[in-house]
Amino acid sequence: MEYKFIKTSFNENKAMFFKYFNSLSGIYDNFLESHILKSDLYSIYIDNNNKGYFAIYEDRLLTQFYVDISAMKYAQSIFKDILEQYHVKGAFVPTCDELLLSLSLDFHKRVNMQAYFFDENKNSMYEIKPPMYNRNLLRVATEIDTPAIKELSDNFFDTFQYSSLQNKIYILEKNDEILGFGIIEDCNIFTEYKATGMFTVAKYRQKGVGRSIILHLRDICHENGFKPLTGCWYHNYNSKNTLESCGYISNTRLLNVEF
């Protein structure tokens, strides 16, 4: 048995990517998606047959690894060679990816808890309380709001450019006072979903603002024929509690594995 790695692209690797997609037991949001889509992709050829692929972000972080079931007996040795040959230092591992999770644990030095990914639970035994702030207080941000967004959002939107986030940012406002922000973004892998997020202005936290935004964003997704998904950093307990109070549950974690 001989294998080799050939640099490729997602377009050239669609068939194998769909096999990977169908192997997942859960979902992940656009934070991990963005790292995957910015990664360099390599096909895995075994005896000149395309049997899988892997992706590396910024020459150091493994973001995907998939081998077809017909070649699974070679997965562990191939994974080990990739770590050594490409000097990979770590991996972003969603726990819904059983193969990547198992192989990463085989070779890990340390596992760091990175994030929770949340999906709706439509079968909850608990009644979800309505939002404290009505929908009519939520509006789509305009370019005029740019200074206020930059001032109040504490870099939540990273390097904010209005042109790239047009019609994606929402503002919860009462009596001309901005209480918080919401965002709805496309998902490029889980295309039936929209990724949602919120940020509450510091002085209005613990007052139902974030929860109201999340519930309204959920409804907007439904009205447009999409499922909402969301996430938060693993140690952001307030956000986790807020999302759970909105009827979201997390079956998937994101791990930052060091090799």
C-alpha atoms as a PDB file:
ATOM      1  CA  MET A   1       0.000   0.000   0.000  1.00  0.00           C
ATOM      2  CA  GLU A   2       1.307   3.430  -1.004  1.00  0.00           C
ATOM      3  CA  TYR A   3      -0.295   6.782  -0.359  1.00  0.00           C
ATOM      4  CA  LYS A   4       0.420  10.365  -1.312  1.00  0.00           C
ATOM      5  CA  PHE A   5      -1.031  13.808  -0.665  1.00  0.00           C
ATOM      6  CA  ILE A   6      -1.915  16.214  -3.483  1.00  0.00           C
ATOM      7  CA  LYS A   7      -2.974  19.824  -2.954  1.00  0.00           C
ATOM      8  CA  THR A   8      -6.509  20.389  -4.194  1.00  0.00           C
ATOM      9  CA  SER A   9      -9.594  22.556  -3.633  1.00  0.00           C
ATOM     10  CA  PHE A  10     -13.093  22.081  -2.267  1.00  0.00           C
ATOM     11  CA  ASN A  11     -14.547  22.299  -5.777  1.00  0.00           C
ATOM     12  CA  GLU A  12     -12.270  19.508  -6.974  1.00  0.00           C
ATOM     13  CA  ASN A  13     -13.082  17.433  -3.930  1.00  0.00           C
ATOM     14  CA  LYS A  14     -16.881  17.737  -3.752  1.00  0.00           C
ATOM     15  CA  ALA A  15     -17.651  14.024  -3.798  1.00  0.00           C
ATOM     16  CA  MET A  16     -15.374  13.264  -0.859  1.00  0.00           C
ATOM     17  CA  PHE A  17     -16.577  16.350   1.004  1.00  0.00           C
ATOM     18  CA  PHE A  18     -20.188  15.144   0.791  1.00  0.00           C
ATOM     19  CA  LYS A  19     -19.127  11.801   2.223  1.00  0.00           C
ATOM     20  CA  TYR A  20     -17.462  13.671   5.098  1.00  0.00           C
ATOM     21  CA  PHE A  21     -20.579  15.813   5.588  1.00  0.00           C
ATOM     22  CA  ASN A  22     -22.818  12.748   5.776  1.00  0.00           C
ATOM     23  CA  SER A  23     -20.528  11.176   8.385  1.00  0.00           C
ATOM     24  CA  LEU A  24     -21.155  13.963  10.915  1.00  0.00           C
ATOM     25  CA  SER A  25     -23.492  13.373  13.846  1.00  0.00           C
ATOM     26  CA  GLY A  26     -24.158  17.059  14.538  1.00  0.00           C
ATOM     27  CA  ILE A  27     -23.627  20.637  13.406  1.00  0.00           C
ATOM     28  CA  TYR A  28     -21.118  23.433  13.898  1.00  0.00           C
ATOM     29  CA  ASP A  29     -21.306  27.160  13.287  1.00  0.00           C
ATOM     30  CA  ASN A  30     -19.562  29.646  11.016  1.00  0.00           C
ATOM     31  CA  PHE A  31     -16.619  30.166  13.396  1.00  0.00           C
ATOM     32  CA  LEU A  32     -15.302  26.710  12.550  1.00  0.00           C
ATOM     33  CA  GLU A  33     -16.628  26.984   8.992  1.00  0.00           C
ATOM     34  CA  SER A  34     -14.516  30.079   8.345  1.00  0.00           C
ATOM     35  CA  HIS A  35     -11.357  28.278   9.459  1.00  0.00           C
ATOM     36  CA  ILE A  36     -12.204  25.268   7.290  1.00  0.00           C
ATOM     37  CA  LEU A  37     -12.930  27.325   4.183  1.00  0.00           C
ATOM     38  CA  LYS A  38      -9.699  29.319   4.582  1.00  0.00           C
ATOM     39  CA  SER A  39      -7.628  26.144   4.937  1.00  0.00           C
ATOM     40  CA  ASP A  40      -5.348  24.524   2.378  1.00  0.00           C
ATOM     41  CA  LEU A  41      -6.887  21.274   1.174  1.00  0.00           C
ATOM     42  CA  TYR A  42      -5.059  18.064   0.262  1.00  0.00           C
ATOM     43  CA  SER A  43      -6.443  14.900  -1.314  1.00  0.00           C
ATOM     44  CA  ILE A  44      -5.317  11.538   0.046  1.00  0.00           C
ATOM     45  CA  TYR A  45      -4.501   9.025  -2.683  1.00  0.00           C
ATOM     46  CA  ILE A  46      -4.040   5.375  -1.748  1.00  0.00           C
ATOM     47  CA  ASP A  47      -2.611   3.228  -4.550  1.00  0.00           C
ATOM     48  CA  ASN A  48      -3.547   6.073  -6.930  1.00  0.00           C
ATOM     49  CA  ASN A  49      -7.190   6.118  -5.782  1.00  0.00           C
ATOM     50  CA  ASN A  50      -8.693   9.191  -4.113  1.00  0.00           C
ATOM     51  CA  LYS A  51      -9.696   7.936  -0.668  1.00  0.00           C
ATOM     52  CA  GLY A  52      -9.954  11.068   1.444  1.00  0.00           C
ATOM     53  CA  TYR A  53      -8.678  14.534   2.194  1.00  0.00           C
ATOM     54  CA  PHE A  54      -7.478  16.830   4.950  1.00  0.00           C
ATOM     55  CA  ALA A  55      -7.318  20.589   5.518  1.00  0.00           C
ATOM     56  CA  ILE A  56      -4.715  22.735   7.293  1.00  0.00           C
ATOM     57  CA  TYR A  57      -5.267  26.331   8.419  1.00  0.00           C
ATOM     58  CA  GLU A  58      -2.291  28.704   8.311  1.00  0.00           C
ATOM     59  CA  ASP A  59       0.243  25.852   8.081  1.00  0.00           C
ATOM     60  CA  ARG A  60      -0.317  24.737  11.670  1.00  0.00           C
ATOM     61  CA  LEU A  61      -3.936  23.861  12.505  1.00  0.00           C
ATOM     62  CA  LEU A  62      -5.724  20.789  11.187  1.00  0.00           C
ATOM     63  CA  THR A  63      -9.373  21.615  10.498  1.00  0.00           C
ATOM     64  CA  GLN A  64     -10.527  18.503   8.623  1.00  0.00           C
ATOM     65  CA  PHE A  65      -9.510  14.887   8.083  1.00  0.00           C
ATOM     66  CA  TYR A  66     -11.577  12.316   6.271  1.00  0.00           C
ATOM     67  CA  VAL A  67     -10.827   8.854   4.900  1.00  0.00           C
ATOM     68  CA  ASP A  68     -13.362   6.724   3.057  1.00  0.00           C
ATOM     69  CA  ILE A  69     -14.637   3.703   4.976  1.00  0.00           C
ATOM     70  CA  SER A  70     -13.009   1.391   2.397  1.00  0.00           C
ATOM     71  CA  ALA A  71      -9.577   2.663   3.496  1.00  0.00           C
ATOM     72  CA  MET A  72     -10.294   3.161   7.198  1.00  0.00           C
ATOM     73  CA  LYS A  73      -7.668   0.618   8.326  1.00  0.00           C
ATOM     74  CA  TYR A  74      -4.987   3.052   7.115  1.00  0.00           C
ATOM     75  CA  ALA A  75      -6.467   6.179   8.726  1.00  0.00           C
ATOM     76  CA  GLN A  76      -4.350   6.156  11.880  1.00  0.00           C
ATOM     77  CA  SER A  77      -0.996   5.777  10.110  1.00  0.00           C
ATOM     78  CA  ILE A  78      -1.940   8.389   7.488  1.00  0.00           C
ATOM     79  CA  PHE A  79      -3.005  10.812  10.213  1.00  0.00           C
ATOM     80  CA  LYS A  80       0.307  10.332  12.015  1.00  0.00           C
ATOM     81  CA  ASP A  81       2.255  10.993   8.810  1.00  0.00           C
ATOM     82  CA  ILE A  82       0.291  14.185   8.171  1.00  0.00           C
ATOM     83  CA  LEU A  83       1.121  15.506  11.640  1.00  0.00           C
ATOM     84  CA  GLU A  84       4.810  14.810  11.072  1.00  0.00           C
ATOM     85  CA  GLN A  85       5.136  15.784   7.419  1.00  0.00           C
ATOM     86  CA  TYR A  86       3.203  19.070   7.694  1.00  0.00           C
ATOM     87  CA  HIS A  87       4.410  19.957  11.216  1.00  0.00           C
ATOM     88  CA  VAL A  88       0.831  20.301  12.445  1.00  0.00           C
ATOM     89  CA  LYS A  89       0.690  21.688  15.978  1.00  0.00           C
ATOM     90  CA  GLY A  90      -3.009  21.374  16.718  1.00  0.00           C
ATOM     91  CA  ALA A  91      -6.533  20.757  15.446  1.00  0.00           C
ATOM     92  CA  PHE A  92      -9.988  22.277  15.737  1.00  0.00           C
ATOM     93  CA  VAL A  93     -12.120  19.215  16.430  1.00  0.00           C
ATOM     94  CA  PRO A  94     -15.933  19.288  16.587  1.00  0.00           C
ATOM     95  CA  THR A  95     -17.111  16.362  18.662  1.00  0.00           C
ATOM     96  CA  CYS A  96     -19.692  15.527  15.980  1.00  0.00           C
ATOM     97  CA  ASP A  97     -16.773  14.392  13.771  1.00  0.00           C
ATOM     98  CA  GLU A  98     -16.099  10.954  15.242  1.00  0.00           C
ATOM     99  CA  LEU A  99     -13.101  10.086  13.056  1.00  0.00           C
ATOM    100  CA  LEU A 100     -11.213  13.335  13.604  1.00  0.00           C
ATOM    101  CA  LEU A 101     -12.042  13.216  17.309  1.00  0.00           C
ATOM    102  CA  SER A 102     -10.752   9.663  17.720  1.00  0.00           C
ATOM    103  CA  LEU A 103      -7.535  10.225  15.800  1.00  0.00           C
ATOM    104  CA  SER A 104      -6.820  13.515  17.538  1.00  0.00           C
ATOM    105  CA  LEU A 105      -7.144  11.800  20.908  1.00  0.00           C
ATOM    106  CA  ASP A 106      -4.744   9.096  19.717  1.00  0.00           C
ATOM    107  CA  PHE A 107      -1.967  11.655  19.297  1.00  0.00           C
ATOM    108  CA  HIS A 108      -2.909  14.520  21.598  1.00  0.00           C
ATOM    109  CA  LYS A 109      -0.690  16.194  24.157  1.00  0.00           C
ATOM    110  CA  ARG A 110      -3.423  18.429  25.516  1.00  0.00           C
ATOM    111  CA  VAL A 111      -7.141  19.030  24.918  1.00  0.00           C
ATOM    112  CA  ASN A 112      -8.562  22.523  25.428  1.00  0.00           C
ATOM    113  CA  MET A 113     -12.296  23.163  25.569  1.00  0.00           C
ATOM    114  CA  GLN A 114     -13.012  25.833  22.947  1.00  0.00           C
ATOM    115  CA  ALA A 115     -16.751  26.288  22.392  1.00  0.00           C
ATOM    116  CA  TYR A 116     -20.315  24.998  22.525  1.00  0.00           C
ATOM    117  CA  PHE A 117     -22.419  24.634  19.373  1.00  0.00           C
ATOM    118  CA  PHE A 118     -26.177  24.921  19.906  1.00  0.00           C
ATOM    119  CA  ASP A 119     -29.173  23.694  17.946  1.00  0.00           C
ATOM    120  CA  GLU A 120     -32.871  24.170  18.680  1.00  0.00           C
ATOM    121  CA  ASN A 121     -34.672  21.709  20.904  1.00  0.00           C
ATOM    122  CA  LYS A 122     -38.258  21.599  19.686  1.00  0.00           C
ATOM    123  CA  ASN A 123     -39.148  18.803  22.100  1.00  0.00           C
ATOM    124  CA  SER A 124     -38.270  20.557  25.342  1.00  0.00           C
ATOM    125  CA  MET A 125     -40.274  19.569  28.405  1.00  0.00           C
ATOM    126  CA  TYR A 126     -40.038  23.167  29.621  1.00  0.00           C
ATOM    127  CA  GLU A 127     -42.025  26.143  28.388  1.00  0.00           C
ATOM    128  CA  ILE A 128     -39.855  28.877  26.886  1.00  0.00           C
ATOM    129  CA  LYS A 129     -40.662  32.263  28.370  1.00  0.00           C
ATOM    130  CA  PRO A 130     -41.379  35.072  25.884  1.00  0.00           C
ATOM    131  CA  PRO A 131     -38.768  37.805  25.286  1.00  0.00           C
ATOM    132  CA  MET A 132     -38.718  40.714  27.709  1.00  0.00           C
ATOM    133  CA  TYR A 133     -38.267  43.216  24.871  1.00  0.00           C
ATOM    134  CA  ASN A 134     -40.747  43.175  21.998  1.00  0.00           C
ATOM    135  CA  ARG A 135     -39.839  42.528  18.364  1.00  0.00           C
ATOM    136  CA  ASN A 136     -40.704  46.102  17.362  1.00  0.00           C
ATOM    137  CA  LEU A 137     -37.661  47.295  19.320  1.00  0.00           C
ATOM    138  CA  LEU A 138     -35.333  45.302  17.045  1.00  0.00           C
ATOM    139  CA  ARG A 139     -34.272  46.854  13.747  1.00  0.00           C
ATOM    140  CA  VAL A 140     -31.734  46.245  11.005  1.00  0.00           C
ATOM    141  CA  ALA A 141     -28.608  48.363  11.444  1.00  0.00           C
ATOM    142  CA  THR A 142     -27.811  50.990   8.810  1.00  0.00           C
ATOM    143  CA  GLU A 143     -24.530  52.590   7.841  1.00  0.00           C
ATOM    144  CA  ILE A 144     -25.363  55.525  10.101  1.00  0.00           C
ATOM    145  CA  ASP A 145     -25.084  53.137  13.068  1.00  0.00           C
ATOM    146  CA  THR A 146     -21.436  52.301  12.317  1.00  0.00           C
ATOM    147  CA  PRO A 147     -19.867  54.630  14.958  1.00  0.00           C
ATOM    148  CA  ALA A 148     -22.215  53.345  17.678  1.00  0.00           C
ATOM    149  CA  ILE A 149     -21.574  49.715  16.733  1.00  0.00           C
ATOM    150  CA  LYS A 150     -17.816  50.224  16.918  1.00  0.00           C
ATOM    151  CA  GLU A 151     -18.087  52.084  20.224  1.00  0.00           C
ATOM    152  CA  LEU A 152     -20.468  49.751  22.042  1.00  0.00           C
ATOM    153  CA  SER A 153     -19.799  46.254  20.687  1.00  0.00           C
ATOM    154  CA  ASP A 154     -16.353  45.754  22.277  1.00  0.00           C
ATOM    155  CA  ASN A 155     -14.908  44.229  19.059  1.00  0.00           C
ATOM    156  CA  PHE A 156     -17.630  41.559  18.980  1.00  0.00           C
ATOM    157  CA  PHE A 157     -17.787  41.968  15.199  1.00  0.00           C
ATOM    158  CA  ASP A 158     -13.981  41.636  14.815  1.00  0.00           C
ATOM    159  CA  THR A 159     -12.692  44.042  12.154  1.00  0.00           C
ATOM    160  CA  PHE A 160     -16.032  45.705  11.509  1.00  0.00           C
ATOM    161  CA  GLN A 161     -16.800  46.685   7.917  1.00  0.00           C
ATOM    162  CA  TYR A 162     -20.384  47.735   7.315  1.00  0.00           C
ATOM    163  CA  SER A 163     -20.276  46.734   3.641  1.00  0.00           C
ATOM    164  CA  SER A 164     -19.553  43.094   4.500  1.00  0.00           C
ATOM    165  CA  LEU A 165     -22.190  42.925   7.253  1.00  0.00           C
ATOM    166  CA  GLN A 166     -24.947  44.916   5.559  1.00  0.00           C
ATOM    167  CA  ASN A 167     -28.432  43.599   6.409  1.00  0.00           C
ATOM    168  CA  LYS A 168     -26.883  41.100   8.822  1.00  0.00           C
ATOM    169  CA  ILE A 169     -26.614  43.208  11.999  1.00  0.00           C
ATOM    170  CA  TYR A 170     -29.612  44.038  14.163  1.00  0.00           C
ATOM    171  CA  ILE A 171     -29.945  46.607  16.930  1.00  0.00           C
ATOM    172  CA  LEU A 172     -32.205  46.345  19.964  1.00  0.00           C
ATOM    173  CA  GLU A 173     -33.059  49.899  20.923  1.00  0.00           C
ATOM    174  CA  LYS A 174     -35.439  51.461  23.426  1.00  0.00           C
ATOM    175  CA  ASN A 175     -36.051  55.172  23.936  1.00  0.00           C
ATOM    176  CA  ASP A 176     -33.153  55.946  21.544  1.00  0.00           C
ATOM    177  CA  GLU A 177     -30.779  53.907  23.731  1.00  0.00           C
ATOM    178  CA  ILE A 178     -28.946  50.947  22.192  1.00  0.00           C
ATOM    179  CA  LEU A 179     -29.270  47.890  24.432  1.00  0.00           C
ATOM    180  CA  GLY A 180     -27.549  45.267  22.308  1.00  0.00           C
ATOM    181  CA  PHE A 181     -26.759  43.847  18.889  1.00  0.00           C
ATOM    182  CA  GLY A 182     -27.660  40.716  16.978  1.00  0.00           C
ATOM    183  CA  ILE A 183     -26.256  39.135  13.855  1.00  0.00           C
ATOM    184  CA  ILE A 184     -27.514  36.592  11.316  1.00  0.00           C
ATOM    185  CA  GLU A 185     -24.969  35.117   8.903  1.00  0.00           C
ATOM    186  CA  ASP A 186     -24.997  32.511   6.165  1.00  0.00           C
ATOM    187  CA  CYS A 187     -23.673  29.013   6.767  1.00  0.00           C
ATOM    188  CA  ASN A 188     -21.680  27.660   3.843  1.00  0.00           C
ATOM    189  CA  ILE A 189     -21.547  24.021   4.961  1.00  0.00           C
ATOM    190  CA  PHE A 190     -24.852  23.561   6.805  1.00  0.00           C
ATOM    191  CA  THR A 191     -26.771  25.579   4.228  1.00  0.00           C
ATOM    192  CA  GLU A 192     -30.224  24.972   5.706  1.00  0.00           C
ATOM    193  CA  TYR A 193     -29.077  26.914   8.786  1.00  0.00           C
ATOM    194  CA  LYS A 194     -28.276  30.523   9.609  1.00  0.00           C
ATOM    195  CA  ALA A 195     -25.706  31.343  12.279  1.00  0.00           C
ATOM    196  CA  THR A 196     -26.971  33.757  14.917  1.00  0.00           C
ATOM    197  CA  GLY A 197     -25.227  35.674  17.659  1.00  0.00           C
ATOM    198  CA  MET A 198     -25.791  38.538  20.049  1.00  0.00           C
ATOM    199  CA  PHE A 199     -23.897  41.087  22.121  1.00  0.00           C
ATOM    200  CA  THR A 200     -25.383  43.012  25.042  1.00  0.00           C
ATOM    201  CA  VAL A 201     -24.110  46.475  25.932  1.00  0.00           C
ATOM    202  CA  ALA A 202     -22.316  46.146  29.277  1.00  0.00           C
ATOM    203  CA  LYS A 203     -24.681  48.193  31.434  1.00  0.00           C
ATOM    204  CA  TYR A 204     -27.726  46.246  30.195  1.00  0.00           C
ATOM    205  CA  ARG A 205     -26.455  42.747  30.898  1.00  0.00           C
ATOM    206  CA  GLN A 206     -28.485  40.374  33.096  1.00  0.00           C
ATOM    207  CA  LYS A 207     -31.637  42.299  32.139  1.00  0.00           C
ATOM    208  CA  GLY A 208     -33.114  40.054  29.443  1.00  0.00           C
ATOM    209  CA  VAL A 209     -31.593  41.909  26.486  1.00  0.00           C
ATOM    210  CA  GLY A 210     -29.477  39.097  25.062  1.00  0.00           C
ATOM    211  CA  ARG A 211     -32.257  36.569  25.505  1.00  0.00           C
ATOM    212  CA  SER A 212     -34.727  38.825  23.687  1.00  0.00           C
ATOM    213  CA  ILE A 213     -32.327  39.277  20.775  1.00  0.00           C
ATOM    214  CA  ILE A 214     -31.688  35.542  20.422  1.00  0.00           C
ATOM    215  CA  LEU A 215     -35.411  34.729  20.437  1.00  0.00           C
ATOM    216  CA  HIS A 216     -36.153  37.379  17.814  1.00  0.00           C
ATOM    217  CA  LEU A 217     -33.270  36.226  15.588  1.00  0.00           C
ATOM    218  CA  ARG A 218     -34.603  32.674  15.866  1.00  0.00           C
ATOM    219  CA  ASP A 219     -37.998  33.852  14.655  1.00  0.00           C
ATOM    220  CA  ILE A 220     -36.451  35.795  11.758  1.00  0.00           C
ATOM    221  CA  CYS A 221     -34.615  32.653  10.647  1.00  0.00           C
ATOM    222  CA  HIS A 222     -37.831  30.628  10.750  1.00  0.00           C
ATOM    223  CA  GLU A 223     -39.737  33.297   8.814  1.00  0.00           C
ATOM    224  CA  ASN A 224     -37.156  33.067   6.028  1.00  0.00           C
ATOM    225  CA  GLY A 225     -37.167  29.275   5.868  1.00  0.00           C
ATOM    226  CA  PHE A 226     -33.946  28.604   7.786  1.00  0.00           C
ATOM    227  CA  LYS A 227     -33.027  26.833  10.992  1.00  0.00           C
ATOM    228  CA  PRO A 228     -31.072  28.901  13.535  1.00  0.00           C
ATOM    229  CA  LEU A 229     -27.842  27.713  15.091  1.00  0.00           C
ATOM    230  CA  THR A 230     -25.581  29.476  17.511  1.00  0.00           C
ATOM    231  CA  GLY A 231     -22.565  28.978  19.741  1.00  0.00           C
ATOM    232  CA  CYS A 232     -20.498  30.472  22.517  1.00  0.00           C
ATOM    233  CA  TRP A 233     -17.049  30.154  24.020  1.00  0.00           C
ATOM    234  CA  TYR A 234     -16.824  27.241  26.400  1.00  0.00           C
ATOM    235  CA  HIS A 235     -16.253  29.336  29.525  1.00  0.00           C
ATOM    236  CA  ASN A 236     -18.845  32.005  28.722  1.00  0.00           C
ATOM    237  CA  TYR A 237     -21.349  30.701  31.238  1.00  0.00           C
ATOM    238  CA  ASN A 238     -23.730  33.661  30.950  1.00  0.00           C
ATOM    239  CA  SER A 239     -24.125  33.146  27.202  1.00  0.00           C
ATOM    240  CA  LYS A 240     -24.596  29.413  27.686  1.00  0.00           C
ATOM    241  CA  ASN A 241     -27.345  30.011  30.246  1.00  0.00           C
ATOM    242  CA  THR A 242     -29.007  32.556  27.963  1.00  0.00           C
ATOM    243  CA  LEU A 243     -29.044  30.195  24.993  1.00  0.00           C
ATOM    244  CA  GLU A 244     -30.395  27.309  27.059  1.00  0.00           C
ATOM    245  CA  SER A 245     -33.181  29.540  28.391  1.00  0.00           C
ATOM    246  CA  CYS A 246     -34.138  30.195  24.744  1.00  0.00           C
ATOM    247  CA  GLY A 247     -34.644  26.488  24.081  1.00  0.00           C
ATOM    248  CA  TYR A 248     -31.244  25.689  22.591  1.00  0.00           C
ATOM    249  CA  ILE A 249     -29.266  22.578  23.460  1.00  0.00           C
ATOM    250  CA  SER A 250     -25.668  21.630  22.767  1.00  0.00           C
ATOM    251  CA  ASN A 251     -24.759  18.110  21.702  1.00  0.00           C
ATOM    252  CA  THR A 252     -21.485  19.247  20.119  1.00  0.00           C
ATOM    253  CA  ARG A 253     -18.358  20.856  21.555  1.00  0.00           C
ATOM    254  CA  LEU A 254     -15.401  22.346  19.732  1.00  0.00           C
ATOM    255  CA  LEU A 255     -12.051  21.123  21.034  1.00  0.00           C
ATOM    256  CA  ASN A 256      -8.693  22.776  20.476  1.00  0.00           C
ATOM    257  CA  VAL A 257      -6.354  19.791  20.491  1.00  0.00           C
ATOM    258  CA  GLU A 258      -2.589  20.212  20.802  1.00  0.00           C
ATOM    259  CA  PHE A 259      -0.213  17.633  19.319  1.00  0.00           C
END
